[in-house]
Full PDB file with SEQRES, HELIX, SHEET, SSBOND, CRYST1, ORIGX, SCALE, CONECT and MASTER records, all heavy atoms in Angstrom:
SEQRES   1 A   38  TRP GLU ILE GLU THR LEU PHE GLY CYS LEU LYS SER ARG          
SEQRES   2 A   38  GLY PHE ASN PHE GLU ASP THR HIS LEU VAL ASP PRO GLU          
SEQRES   3 A   38  ARG LEU SER LYS LEU PHE ALA LEU LEU ALA LEU ALA              
HELIX    1 AA1 GLU A    2  LYS A   11  1                                  10    
HELIX    2 AA2 PHE A   17  THR A   20  5                                   4    
HELIX    3 AA3 PRO A   25  LEU A   37  1                                  13    
CRYST1    1.000    1.000    1.000  90.00  90.00  90.00 P 1           1          
ORIGX1      1.000000  0.000000  0.000000        0.00000                         
ORIGX2      0.000000  1.000000  0.000000        0.00000                         
ORIGX3      0.000000  0.000000  1.000000        0.00000                         
SCALE1      1.000000  0.000000  0.000000        0.00000                         
SCALE2      0.000000  1.000000  0.000000        0.00000                         
SCALE3      0.000000  0.000000  1.000000        0.00000                         
ATOM      1  N   TRP A   1     196.774  94.354  97.613  1.00  0.00           N  
ATOM      2  CA  TRP A   1     196.459  95.604  97.045  1.00  0.00           C  
ATOM      3  C   TRP A   1     195.233  96.131  97.874  1.00  0.00           C  
ATOM      4  O   TRP A   1     195.025  97.314  98.057  1.00  0.00           O  
ATOM      5  CB  TRP A   1     196.263  95.684  95.621  1.00  0.00           C  
ATOM      6  CG  TRP A   1     196.046  97.029  95.065  1.00  0.00           C  
ATOM      7  CD1 TRP A   1     194.915  97.581  94.653  1.00  0.00           C  
ATOM      8  CD2 TRP A   1     197.092  98.110  95.002  1.00  0.00           C  
ATOM      9  NE1 TRP A   1     195.153  98.844  94.249  1.00  0.00           N  
ATOM     10  CE2 TRP A   1     196.384  99.214  94.405  1.00  0.00           C  
ATOM     11  CE3 TRP A   1     198.344  98.173  95.338  1.00  0.00           C  
ATOM     12  CZ2 TRP A   1     197.142 100.457  94.244  1.00  0.00           C  
ATOM     13  CZ3 TRP A   1     199.067  99.346  95.155  1.00  0.00           C  
ATOM     14  CH2 TRP A   1     198.419 100.419  94.651  1.00  0.00           C  
ATOM     15  N   GLU A   2     194.248  95.325  98.072  1.00  0.00           N  
ATOM     16  CA  GLU A   2     193.043  95.582  98.782  1.00  0.00           C  
ATOM     17  C   GLU A   2     193.348  96.062 100.216  1.00  0.00           C  
ATOM     18  O   GLU A   2     192.827  97.130 100.706  1.00  0.00           O  
ATOM     19  CB  GLU A   2     192.045  94.455  98.987  1.00  0.00           C  
ATOM     20  CG  GLU A   2     191.448  94.002  97.641  1.00  0.00           C  
ATOM     21  CD  GLU A   2     190.501  92.774  97.876  1.00  0.00           C  
ATOM     22  OE1 GLU A   2     190.299  92.387  98.862  1.00  0.00           O  
ATOM     23  OE2 GLU A   2     190.058  92.251  96.702  1.00  0.00           O  
ATOM     24  N   ILE A   3     194.270  95.414 100.780  1.00  0.00           N  
ATOM     25  CA  ILE A   3     194.727  95.882 102.276  1.00  0.00           C  
ATOM     26  C   ILE A   3     195.421  97.157 102.106  1.00  0.00           C  
ATOM     27  O   ILE A   3     195.130  98.015 102.963  1.00  0.00           O  
ATOM     28  CB  ILE A   3     195.582  94.699 102.866  1.00  0.00           C  
ATOM     29  CG1 ILE A   3     194.822  93.467 103.120  1.00  0.00           C  
ATOM     30  CG2 ILE A   3     196.281  95.223 104.087  1.00  0.00           C  
ATOM     31  CD1 ILE A   3     195.602  92.225 103.434  1.00  0.00           C  
ATOM     32  N   GLU A   4     196.418  97.300 101.178  1.00  0.00           N  
ATOM     33  CA  GLU A   4     197.072  98.614 101.054  1.00  0.00           C  
ATOM     34  C   GLU A   4     196.014  99.799 100.803  1.00  0.00           C  
ATOM     35  O   GLU A   4     196.187 100.879 101.352  1.00  0.00           O  
ATOM     36  CB  GLU A   4     198.085  98.602  99.945  1.00  0.00           C  
ATOM     37  CG  GLU A   4     199.214  97.726 100.212  1.00  0.00           C  
ATOM     38  CD  GLU A   4     200.127  98.319 101.326  1.00  0.00           C  
ATOM     39  OE1 GLU A   4     200.274  99.556 101.447  1.00  0.00           O  
ATOM     40  OE2 GLU A   4     200.833  97.528 102.053  1.00  0.00           O  
ATOM     41  N   THR A   5     195.016  99.523 100.037  1.00  0.00           N  
ATOM     42  CA  THR A   5     194.020 100.563  99.744  1.00  0.00           C  
ATOM     43  C   THR A   5     193.206 100.909 101.083  1.00  0.00           C  
ATOM     44  O   THR A   5     193.076 102.115 101.284  1.00  0.00           O  
ATOM     45  CB  THR A   5     192.944 100.013  98.680  1.00  0.00           C  
ATOM     46  OG1 THR A   5     193.761  99.745  97.476  1.00  0.00           O  
ATOM     47  CG2 THR A   5     191.969 101.082  98.356  1.00  0.00           C  
ATOM     48  N   LEU A   6     192.902  99.930 101.839  1.00  0.00           N  
ATOM     49  CA  LEU A   6     192.181 100.201 103.070  1.00  0.00           C  
ATOM     50  C   LEU A   6     193.071 100.966 103.944  1.00  0.00           C  
ATOM     51  O   LEU A   6     192.655 102.004 104.544  1.00  0.00           O  
ATOM     52  CB  LEU A   6     191.800  98.817 103.790  1.00  0.00           C  
ATOM     53  CG  LEU A   6     191.216  98.944 105.172  1.00  0.00           C  
ATOM     54  CD1 LEU A   6     189.915  99.720 105.193  1.00  0.00           C  
ATOM     55  CD2 LEU A   6     191.220  97.662 105.822  1.00  0.00           C  
ATOM     56  N   PHE A   7     194.335 100.612 104.133  1.00  0.00           N  
ATOM     57  CA  PHE A   7     195.217 101.353 105.071  1.00  0.00           C  
ATOM     58  C   PHE A   7     195.477 102.745 104.486  1.00  0.00           C  
ATOM     59  O   PHE A   7     195.506 103.752 105.315  1.00  0.00           O  
ATOM     60  CB  PHE A   7     196.591 100.705 105.289  1.00  0.00           C  
ATOM     61  CG  PHE A   7     196.521  99.433 106.144  1.00  0.00           C  
ATOM     62  CD1 PHE A   7     197.433  98.435 105.977  1.00  0.00           C  
ATOM     63  CD2 PHE A   7     195.594  99.315 107.134  1.00  0.00           C  
ATOM     64  CE1 PHE A   7     197.409  97.298 106.805  1.00  0.00           C  
ATOM     65  CE2 PHE A   7     195.569  98.302 107.926  1.00  0.00           C  
ATOM     66  CZ  PHE A   7     196.404  97.310 107.769  1.00  0.00           C  
ATOM     67  N   GLY A   8     195.566 102.976 103.156  1.00  0.00           N  
ATOM     68  CA  GLY A   8     195.662 104.271 102.603  1.00  0.00           C  
ATOM     69  C   GLY A   8     194.446 105.165 102.881  1.00  0.00           C  
ATOM     70  O   GLY A   8     194.648 106.318 103.339  1.00  0.00           O  
ATOM     71  N   CYS A   9     193.259 104.586 102.893  1.00  0.00           N  
ATOM     72  CA  CYS A   9     192.005 105.345 103.160  1.00  0.00           C  
ATOM     73  C   CYS A   9     191.955 105.702 104.638  1.00  0.00           C  
ATOM     74  O   CYS A   9     191.532 106.781 105.018  1.00  0.00           O  
ATOM     75  CB  CYS A   9     190.916 104.546 102.692  1.00  0.00           C  
ATOM     76  SG  CYS A   9     190.544 104.421 100.902  1.00  0.00           S  
ATOM     77  N   LEU A  10     192.312 104.709 105.486  1.00  0.00           N  
ATOM     78  CA  LEU A  10     192.361 104.935 106.934  1.00  0.00           C  
ATOM     79  C   LEU A  10     193.296 106.088 107.345  1.00  0.00           C  
ATOM     80  O   LEU A  10     193.118 106.738 108.299  1.00  0.00           O  
ATOM     81  CB  LEU A  10     192.520 103.767 107.708  1.00  0.00           C  
ATOM     82  CG  LEU A  10     191.241 102.755 107.640  1.00  0.00           C  
ATOM     83  CD1 LEU A  10     191.656 101.470 108.372  1.00  0.00           C  
ATOM     84  CD2 LEU A  10     189.909 103.311 108.090  1.00  0.00           C  
ATOM     85  N   LYS A  11     194.485 106.107 106.680  1.00  0.00           N  
ATOM     86  CA  LYS A  11     195.647 106.848 107.049  1.00  0.00           C  
ATOM     87  C   LYS A  11     195.579 108.314 106.431  1.00  0.00           C  
ATOM     88  O   LYS A  11     195.274 109.350 107.031  1.00  0.00           O  
ATOM     89  CB  LYS A  11     196.914 106.122 106.889  1.00  0.00           C  
ATOM     90  CG  LYS A  11     197.136 104.966 107.802  1.00  0.00           C  
ATOM     91  CD  LYS A  11     198.258 104.132 107.361  1.00  0.00           C  
ATOM     92  CE  LYS A  11     199.553 104.668 107.563  1.00  0.00           C  
ATOM     93  NZ  LYS A  11     200.751 103.835 107.313  1.00  0.00           N  
ATOM     94  N   SER A  12     195.819 108.358 105.094  1.00  0.00           N  
ATOM     95  CA  SER A  12     196.141 109.660 104.594  1.00  0.00           C  
ATOM     96  C   SER A  12     195.120 110.099 103.426  1.00  0.00           C  
ATOM     97  O   SER A  12     195.077 111.211 103.035  1.00  0.00           O  
ATOM     98  CB  SER A  12     197.559 109.659 103.871  1.00  0.00           C  
ATOM     99  OG  SER A  12     197.678 108.597 102.927  1.00  0.00           O  
ATOM    100  N   ARG A  13     194.362 109.119 103.001  1.00  0.00           N  
ATOM    101  CA  ARG A  13     193.359 109.548 101.880  1.00  0.00           C  
ATOM    102  C   ARG A  13     191.844 109.538 102.427  1.00  0.00           C  
ATOM    103  O   ARG A  13     191.049 109.001 101.834  1.00  0.00           O  
ATOM    104  CB  ARG A  13     193.509 108.502 100.764  1.00  0.00           C  
ATOM    105  CG  ARG A  13     194.705 108.613 100.023  1.00  0.00           C  
ATOM    106  CD  ARG A  13     194.808 107.834  98.764  1.00  0.00           C  
ATOM    107  NE  ARG A  13     194.202 106.418  98.933  1.00  0.00           N  
ATOM    108  CZ  ARG A  13     194.886 105.311  98.907  1.00  0.00           C  
ATOM    109  NH1 ARG A  13     196.178 105.293  98.818  1.00  0.00           N  
ATOM    110  NH2 ARG A  13     194.373 104.163  99.053  1.00  0.00           N  
ATOM    111  N   GLY A  14     191.643 110.165 103.539  1.00  0.00           N  
ATOM    112  CA  GLY A  14     190.349 110.348 103.854  1.00  0.00           C  
ATOM    113  C   GLY A  14     190.162 110.381 105.472  1.00  0.00           C  
ATOM    114  O   GLY A  14     189.760 111.364 105.954  1.00  0.00           O  
ATOM    115  N   PHE A  15     190.306 109.318 106.156  1.00  0.00           N  
ATOM    116  CA  PHE A  15     190.014 109.379 107.590  1.00  0.00           C  
ATOM    117  C   PHE A  15     191.089 109.827 108.460  1.00  0.00           C  
ATOM    118  O   PHE A  15     190.859 110.216 109.630  1.00  0.00           O  
ATOM    119  CB  PHE A  15     189.673 107.886 108.013  1.00  0.00           C  
ATOM    120  CG  PHE A  15     188.377 107.459 107.447  1.00  0.00           C  
ATOM    121  CD1 PHE A  15     188.374 106.586 106.384  1.00  0.00           C  
ATOM    122  CD2 PHE A  15     187.167 107.824 107.935  1.00  0.00           C  
ATOM    123  CE1 PHE A  15     187.179 106.108 105.778  1.00  0.00           C  
ATOM    124  CE2 PHE A  15     185.936 107.434 107.431  1.00  0.00           C  
ATOM    125  CZ  PHE A  15     185.947 106.578 106.339  1.00  0.00           C  
ATOM    126  N   ASN A  16     192.257 109.972 107.994  1.00  0.00           N  
ATOM    127  CA  ASN A  16     193.490 110.545 108.685  1.00  0.00           C  
ATOM    128  C   ASN A  16     193.696 109.961 110.084  1.00  0.00           C  
ATOM    129  O   ASN A  16     193.783 110.621 111.031  1.00  0.00           O  
ATOM    130  CB  ASN A  16     193.430 112.145 108.761  1.00  0.00           C  
ATOM    131  CG  ASN A  16     193.377 112.619 107.343  1.00  0.00           C  
ATOM    132  OD1 ASN A  16     194.194 112.152 106.415  1.00  0.00           O  
ATOM    133  ND2 ASN A  16     192.679 113.711 107.203  1.00  0.00           N  
ATOM    134  N   PHE A  17     193.659 108.617 110.181  1.00  0.00           N  
ATOM    135  CA  PHE A  17     193.828 107.935 111.421  1.00  0.00           C  
ATOM    136  C   PHE A  17     195.115 108.365 112.214  1.00  0.00           C  
ATOM    137  O   PHE A  17     195.072 108.513 113.452  1.00  0.00           O  
ATOM    138  CB  PHE A  17     193.730 106.388 111.214  1.00  0.00           C  
ATOM    139  CG  PHE A  17     193.963 105.579 112.366  1.00  0.00           C  
ATOM    140  CD1 PHE A  17     193.035 105.582 113.331  1.00  0.00           C  
ATOM    141  CD2 PHE A  17     195.109 104.675 112.494  1.00  0.00           C  
ATOM    142  CE1 PHE A  17     193.151 104.687 114.454  1.00  0.00           C  
ATOM    143  CE2 PHE A  17     195.095 103.832 113.589  1.00  0.00           C  
ATOM    144  CZ  PHE A  17     194.224 103.764 114.525  1.00  0.00           C  
ATOM    145  N   GLU A  18     196.196 108.631 111.467  1.00  0.00           N  
ATOM    146  CA  GLU A  18     197.402 108.892 112.162  1.00  0.00           C  
ATOM    147  C   GLU A  18     197.397 110.268 112.834  1.00  0.00           C  
ATOM    148  O   GLU A  18     198.140 110.567 113.753  1.00  0.00           O  
ATOM    149  CB  GLU A  18     198.548 108.785 111.208  1.00  0.00           C  
ATOM    150  CG  GLU A  18     198.841 107.386 110.802  1.00  0.00           C  
ATOM    151  CD  GLU A  18     199.961 107.350 109.799  1.00  0.00           C  
ATOM    152  OE1 GLU A  18     200.243 108.215 108.904  1.00  0.00           O  
ATOM    153  OE2 GLU A  18     200.613 106.377 109.741  1.00  0.00           O  
ATOM    154  N   ASP A  19     196.671 111.172 112.283  1.00  0.00           N  
ATOM    155  CA  ASP A  19     196.505 112.529 112.898  1.00  0.00           C  
ATOM    156  C   ASP A  19     195.951 112.552 114.261  1.00  0.00           C  
ATOM    157  O   ASP A  19     196.057 113.643 114.876  1.00  0.00           O  
ATOM    158  CB  ASP A  19     195.698 113.401 112.037  1.00  0.00           C  
ATOM    159  CG  ASP A  19     196.371 113.733 110.662  1.00  0.00           C  
ATOM    160  OD1 ASP A  19     197.558 113.419 110.490  1.00  0.00           O  
ATOM    161  OD2 ASP A  19     195.722 114.255 109.746  1.00  0.00           O  
ATOM    162  N   THR A  20     195.380 111.499 114.766  1.00  0.00           N  
ATOM    163  CA  THR A  20     194.899 111.487 116.056  1.00  0.00           C  
ATOM    164  C   THR A  20     195.956 111.472 117.107  1.00  0.00           C  
ATOM    165  O   THR A  20     195.748 112.005 118.315  1.00  0.00           O  
ATOM    166  CB  THR A  20     193.958 110.383 116.348  1.00  0.00           C  
ATOM    167  OG1 THR A  20     194.638 109.162 116.241  1.00  0.00           O  
ATOM    168  CG2 THR A  20     192.861 110.173 115.429  1.00  0.00           C  
ATOM    169  N   HIS A  21     197.057 110.914 116.843  1.00  0.00           N  
ATOM    170  CA  HIS A  21     198.232 110.771 117.822  1.00  0.00           C  
ATOM    171  C   HIS A  21     197.846 109.994 119.054  1.00  0.00           C  
ATOM    172  O   HIS A  21     198.430 110.267 120.059  1.00  0.00           O  
ATOM    173  CB  HIS A  21     198.893 112.097 118.132  1.00  0.00           C  
ATOM    174  CG  HIS A  21     199.343 112.885 117.035  1.00  0.00           C  
ATOM    175  ND1 HIS A  21     200.339 112.387 116.199  1.00  0.00           N  
ATOM    176  CD2 HIS A  21     198.770 114.041 116.344  1.00  0.00           C  
ATOM    177  CE1 HIS A  21     200.545 113.253 115.274  1.00  0.00           C  
ATOM    178  NE2 HIS A  21     199.642 114.198 115.272  1.00  0.00           N  
ATOM    179  N   LEU A  22     196.894 109.167 119.003  1.00  0.00           N  
ATOM    180  CA  LEU A  22     196.517 108.285 120.149  1.00  0.00           C  
ATOM    181  C   LEU A  22     197.507 107.244 120.307  1.00  0.00           C  
ATOM    182  O   LEU A  22     198.134 106.730 119.457  1.00  0.00           O  
ATOM    183  CB  LEU A  22     195.085 107.605 119.897  1.00  0.00           C  
ATOM    184  CG  LEU A  22     193.837 108.465 119.850  1.00  0.00           C  
ATOM    185  CD1 LEU A  22     192.653 107.738 119.531  1.00  0.00           C  
ATOM    186  CD2 LEU A  22     193.655 109.156 121.155  1.00  0.00           C  
ATOM    187  N   VAL A  23     197.753 106.885 121.599  1.00  0.00           N  
ATOM    188  CA  VAL A  23     198.713 105.945 122.037  1.00  0.00           C  
ATOM    189  C   VAL A  23     197.988 104.922 122.938  1.00  0.00           C  
ATOM    190  O   VAL A  23     198.684 103.720 123.168  1.00  0.00           O  
ATOM    191  CB  VAL A  23     199.976 106.465 122.601  1.00  0.00           C  
ATOM    192  CG1 VAL A  23     200.763 107.244 121.560  1.00  0.00           C  
ATOM    193  CG2 VAL A  23     199.623 107.397 123.832  1.00  0.00           C  
ATOM    194  N   ASP A  24     196.957 105.264 123.603  1.00  0.00           N  
ATOM    195  CA  ASP A  24     196.218 104.261 124.570  1.00  0.00           C  
ATOM    196  C   ASP A  24     195.711 103.188 123.713  1.00  0.00           C  
ATOM    197  O   ASP A  24     194.717 103.452 122.913  1.00  0.00           O  
ATOM    198  CB  ASP A  24     195.271 105.069 125.389  1.00  0.00           C  
ATOM    199  CG  ASP A  24     194.414 104.153 126.305  1.00  0.00           C  
ATOM    200  OD1 ASP A  24     195.132 103.435 127.019  1.00  0.00           O  
ATOM    201  OD2 ASP A  24     193.260 104.342 126.301  1.00  0.00           O  
ATOM    202  N   PRO A  25     195.989 101.946 124.061  1.00  0.00           N  
ATOM    203  CA  PRO A  25     195.479 100.900 123.186  1.00  0.00           C  
ATOM    204  C   PRO A  25     194.000 100.734 123.348  1.00  0.00           C  
ATOM    205  O   PRO A  25     193.389 100.369 122.237  1.00  0.00           O  
ATOM    206  CB  PRO A  25     196.075  99.559 123.941  1.00  0.00           C  
ATOM    207  CG  PRO A  25     197.305 100.103 124.683  1.00  0.00           C  
ATOM    208  CD  PRO A  25     197.039 101.521 125.000  1.00  0.00           C  
ATOM    209  N   GLU A  26     193.328 101.059 124.383  1.00  0.00           N  
ATOM    210  CA  GLU A  26     191.815 100.895 124.500  1.00  0.00           C  
ATOM    211  C   GLU A  26     191.234 101.980 123.561  1.00  0.00           C  
ATOM    212  O   GLU A  26     190.205 101.672 122.820  1.00  0.00           O  
ATOM    213  CB  GLU A  26     191.366 101.054 125.917  1.00  0.00           C  
ATOM    214  CG  GLU A  26     189.892 100.831 125.995  1.00  0.00           C  
ATOM    215  CD  GLU A  26     189.395 100.899 127.534  1.00  0.00           C  
ATOM    216  OE1 GLU A  26     190.280 100.520 128.414  1.00  0.00           O  
ATOM    217  OE2 GLU A  26     188.236 101.218 127.738  1.00  0.00           O  
ATOM    218  N   ARG A  27     191.802 103.224 123.662  1.00  0.00           N  
ATOM    219  CA  ARG A  27     191.198 104.226 122.703  1.00  0.00           C  
ATOM    220  C   ARG A  27     191.473 103.953 121.228  1.00  0.00           C  
ATOM    221  O   ARG A  27     190.603 104.140 120.378  1.00  0.00           O  
ATOM    222  CB  ARG A  27     191.746 105.586 123.173  1.00  0.00           C  
ATOM    223  CG  ARG A  27     191.235 106.035 124.423  1.00  0.00           C  
ATOM    224  CD  ARG A  27     191.680 107.475 124.775  1.00  0.00           C  
ATOM    225  NE  ARG A  27     190.982 108.016 125.954  1.00  0.00           N  
ATOM    226  CZ  ARG A  27     190.998 109.324 126.141  1.00  0.00           C  
ATOM    227  NH1 ARG A  27     191.692 110.142 125.494  1.00  0.00           N  
ATOM    228  NH2 ARG A  27     190.336 109.691 127.259  1.00  0.00           N  
ATOM    229  N   LEU A  28     192.614 103.408 120.932  1.00  0.00           N  
ATOM    230  CA  LEU A  28     192.862 103.066 119.627  1.00  0.00           C  
ATOM    231  C   LEU A  28     192.034 102.003 119.101  1.00  0.00           C  
ATOM    232  O   LEU A  28     191.558 102.040 117.915  1.00  0.00           O  
ATOM    233  CB  LEU A  28     194.423 102.570 119.540  1.00  0.00           C  
ATOM    234  CG  LEU A  28     195.519 103.594 119.504  1.00  0.00           C  
ATOM    235  CD1 LEU A  28     196.842 102.957 119.587  1.00  0.00           C  
ATOM    236  CD2 LEU A  28     195.454 104.350 118.078  1.00  0.00           C  
ATOM    237  N   SER A  29     191.747 101.068 119.962  1.00  0.00           N  
ATOM    238  CA  SER A  29     190.909  99.879 119.446  1.00  0.00           C  
ATOM    239  C   SER A  29     189.449 100.426 119.234  1.00  0.00           C  
ATOM    240  O   SER A  29     188.965  99.975 118.163  1.00  0.00           O  
ATOM    241  CB  SER A  29     190.826  98.815 120.706  1.00  0.00           C  
ATOM    242  OG  SER A  29     189.998  97.883 120.296  1.00  0.00           O  
ATOM    243  N   LYS A  30     188.951 101.242 120.116  1.00  0.00           N  
ATOM    244  CA  LYS A  30     187.598 101.833 119.880  1.00  0.00           C  
ATOM    245  C   LYS A  30     187.621 102.723 118.648  1.00  0.00           C  
ATOM    246  O   LYS A  30     186.664 102.682 117.775  1.00  0.00           O  
ATOM    247  CB  LYS A  30     187.162 102.773 121.037  1.00  0.00           C  
ATOM    248  CG  LYS A  30     186.890 101.794 122.267  1.00  0.00           C  
ATOM    249  CD  LYS A  30     186.512 102.684 123.448  1.00  0.00           C  
ATOM    250  CE  LYS A  30     186.251 101.786 124.659  1.00  0.00           C  
ATOM    251  NZ  LYS A  30     185.976 102.601 125.926  1.00  0.00           N  
ATOM    252  N   LEU A  31     188.611 103.615 118.448  1.00  0.00           N  
ATOM    253  CA  LEU A  31     188.647 104.367 117.174  1.00  0.00           C  
ATOM    254  C   LEU A  31     188.768 103.570 115.894  1.00  0.00           C  
ATOM    255  O   LEU A  31     188.188 103.841 114.947  1.00  0.00           O  
ATOM    256  CB  LEU A  31     189.875 105.441 117.312  1.00  0.00           C  
ATOM    257  CG  LEU A  31     189.855 106.279 116.108  1.00  0.00           C  
ATOM    258  CD1 LEU A  31     188.634 107.133 115.843  1.00  0.00           C  
ATOM    259  CD2 LEU A  31     191.214 107.214 116.195  1.00  0.00           C  
ATOM    260  N   PHE A  32     189.611 102.518 116.023  1.00  0.00           N  
ATOM    261  CA  PHE A  32     189.852 101.725 114.794  1.00  0.00           C  
ATOM    262  C   PHE A  32     188.399 100.899 114.429  1.00  0.00           C  
ATOM    263  O   PHE A  32     188.004 100.867 113.348  1.00  0.00           O  
ATOM    264  CB  PHE A  32     190.918 100.595 115.089  1.00  0.00           C  
ATOM    265  CG  PHE A  32     191.328  99.944 113.835  1.00  0.00           C  
ATOM    266  CD1 PHE A  32     192.083 100.579 112.861  1.00  0.00           C  
ATOM    267  CD2 PHE A  32     190.927  98.626 113.556  1.00  0.00           C  
ATOM    268  CE1 PHE A  32     192.401  99.958 111.674  1.00  0.00           C  
ATOM    269  CE2 PHE A  32     191.326  98.046 112.395  1.00  0.00           C  
ATOM    270  CZ  PHE A  32     192.069  98.718 111.463  1.00  0.00           C  
ATOM    271  N   ALA A  33     187.837 100.523 115.554  1.00  0.00           N  
ATOM    272  CA  ALA A  33     186.393  99.927 115.298  1.00  0.00           C  
ATOM    273  C   ALA A  33     185.410 100.803 114.683  1.00  0.00           C  
ATOM    274  O   ALA A  33     184.744 100.585 113.681  1.00  0.00           O  
ATOM    275  CB  ALA A  33     185.836  99.362 116.602  1.00  0.00           C  
ATOM    276  N   LEU A  34     185.438 102.134 115.133  1.00  0.00           N  
ATOM    277  CA  LEU A  34     184.602 103.138 114.470  1.00  0.00           C  
ATOM    278  C   LEU A  34     185.077 103.362 113.116  1.00  0.00           C  
ATOM    279  O   LEU A  34     184.146 103.606 112.228  1.00  0.00           O  
ATOM    280  CB  LEU A  34     184.700 104.478 115.297  1.00  0.00           C  
ATOM    281  CG  LEU A  34     183.718 105.533 114.922  1.00  0.00           C  
ATOM    282  CD1 LEU A  34     182.414 105.120 114.952  1.00  0.00           C  
ATOM    283  CD2 LEU A  34     184.061 106.718 115.708  1.00  0.00           C  
ATOM    284  N   LEU A  35     186.383 103.485 112.779  1.00  0.00           N  
ATOM    285  CA  LEU A  35     186.857 103.745 111.416  1.00  0.00           C  
ATOM    286  C   LEU A  35     186.444 102.484 110.465  1.00  0.00           C  
ATOM    287  O   LEU A  35     186.089 102.750 109.337  1.00  0.00           O  
ATOM    288  CB  LEU A  35     188.319 104.067 111.400  1.00  0.00           C  
ATOM    289  CG  LEU A  35     188.738 105.360 111.978  1.00  0.00           C  
ATOM    290  CD1 LEU A  35     190.286 105.385 112.039  1.00  0.00           C  
ATOM    291  CD2 LEU A  35     188.158 106.534 111.135  1.00  0.00           C  
ATOM    292  N   ALA A  36     186.482 101.427 111.042  1.00  0.00           N  
ATOM    293  CA  ALA A  36     186.093 100.156 110.179  1.00  0.00           C  
ATOM    294  C   ALA A  36     184.690 100.145 109.789  1.00  0.00           C  
ATOM    295  O   ALA A  36     184.300  99.942 108.658  1.00  0.00           O  
ATOM    296  CB  ALA A  36     186.429  98.923 110.979  1.00  0.00           C  
ATOM    297  N   LEU A  37     183.895 100.676 110.754  1.00  0.00           N  
ATOM    298  CA  LEU A  37     182.374 100.742 110.459  1.00  0.00           C  
ATOM    299  C   LEU A  37     182.135 101.849 109.474  1.00  0.00           C  
ATOM    300  O   LEU A  37     181.449 101.880 108.393  1.00  0.00           O  
ATOM    301  CB  LEU A  37     181.610 101.037 111.775  1.00  0.00           C  
ATOM    302  CG  LEU A  37     181.459  99.851 112.520  1.00  0.00           C  
ATOM    303  CD1 LEU A  37     180.876 100.295 113.935  1.00  0.00           C  
ATOM    304  CD2 LEU A  37     180.633  98.754 111.986  1.00  0.00           C  
ATOM    305  N   ALA A  38     182.777 103.044 109.642  1.00  0.00           N  
ATOM    306  CA  ALA A  38     182.724 104.217 108.756  1.00  0.00           C  
ATOM    307  C   ALA A  38     183.254 103.888 107.440  1.00  0.00           C  
ATOM    308  O   ALA A  38     182.564 104.199 106.393  1.00  0.00           O  
ATOM    309  CB  ALA A  38     183.474 105.354 109.373  1.00  0.00           C  
TER     310      ALA A  38                                                      
MASTER        0    0    0    3    0    0    0    6  309    1    0    3          
END                                                                             
């Protein structure tokens, strides 16, 4: 449930990670690291 809550916050309930439509692995990695800190 903790993991699901984290993914929900990163995806649709706040940070909208999916809306970036990034596909480049290096850019995804950097953005994910930034989102984790945020």
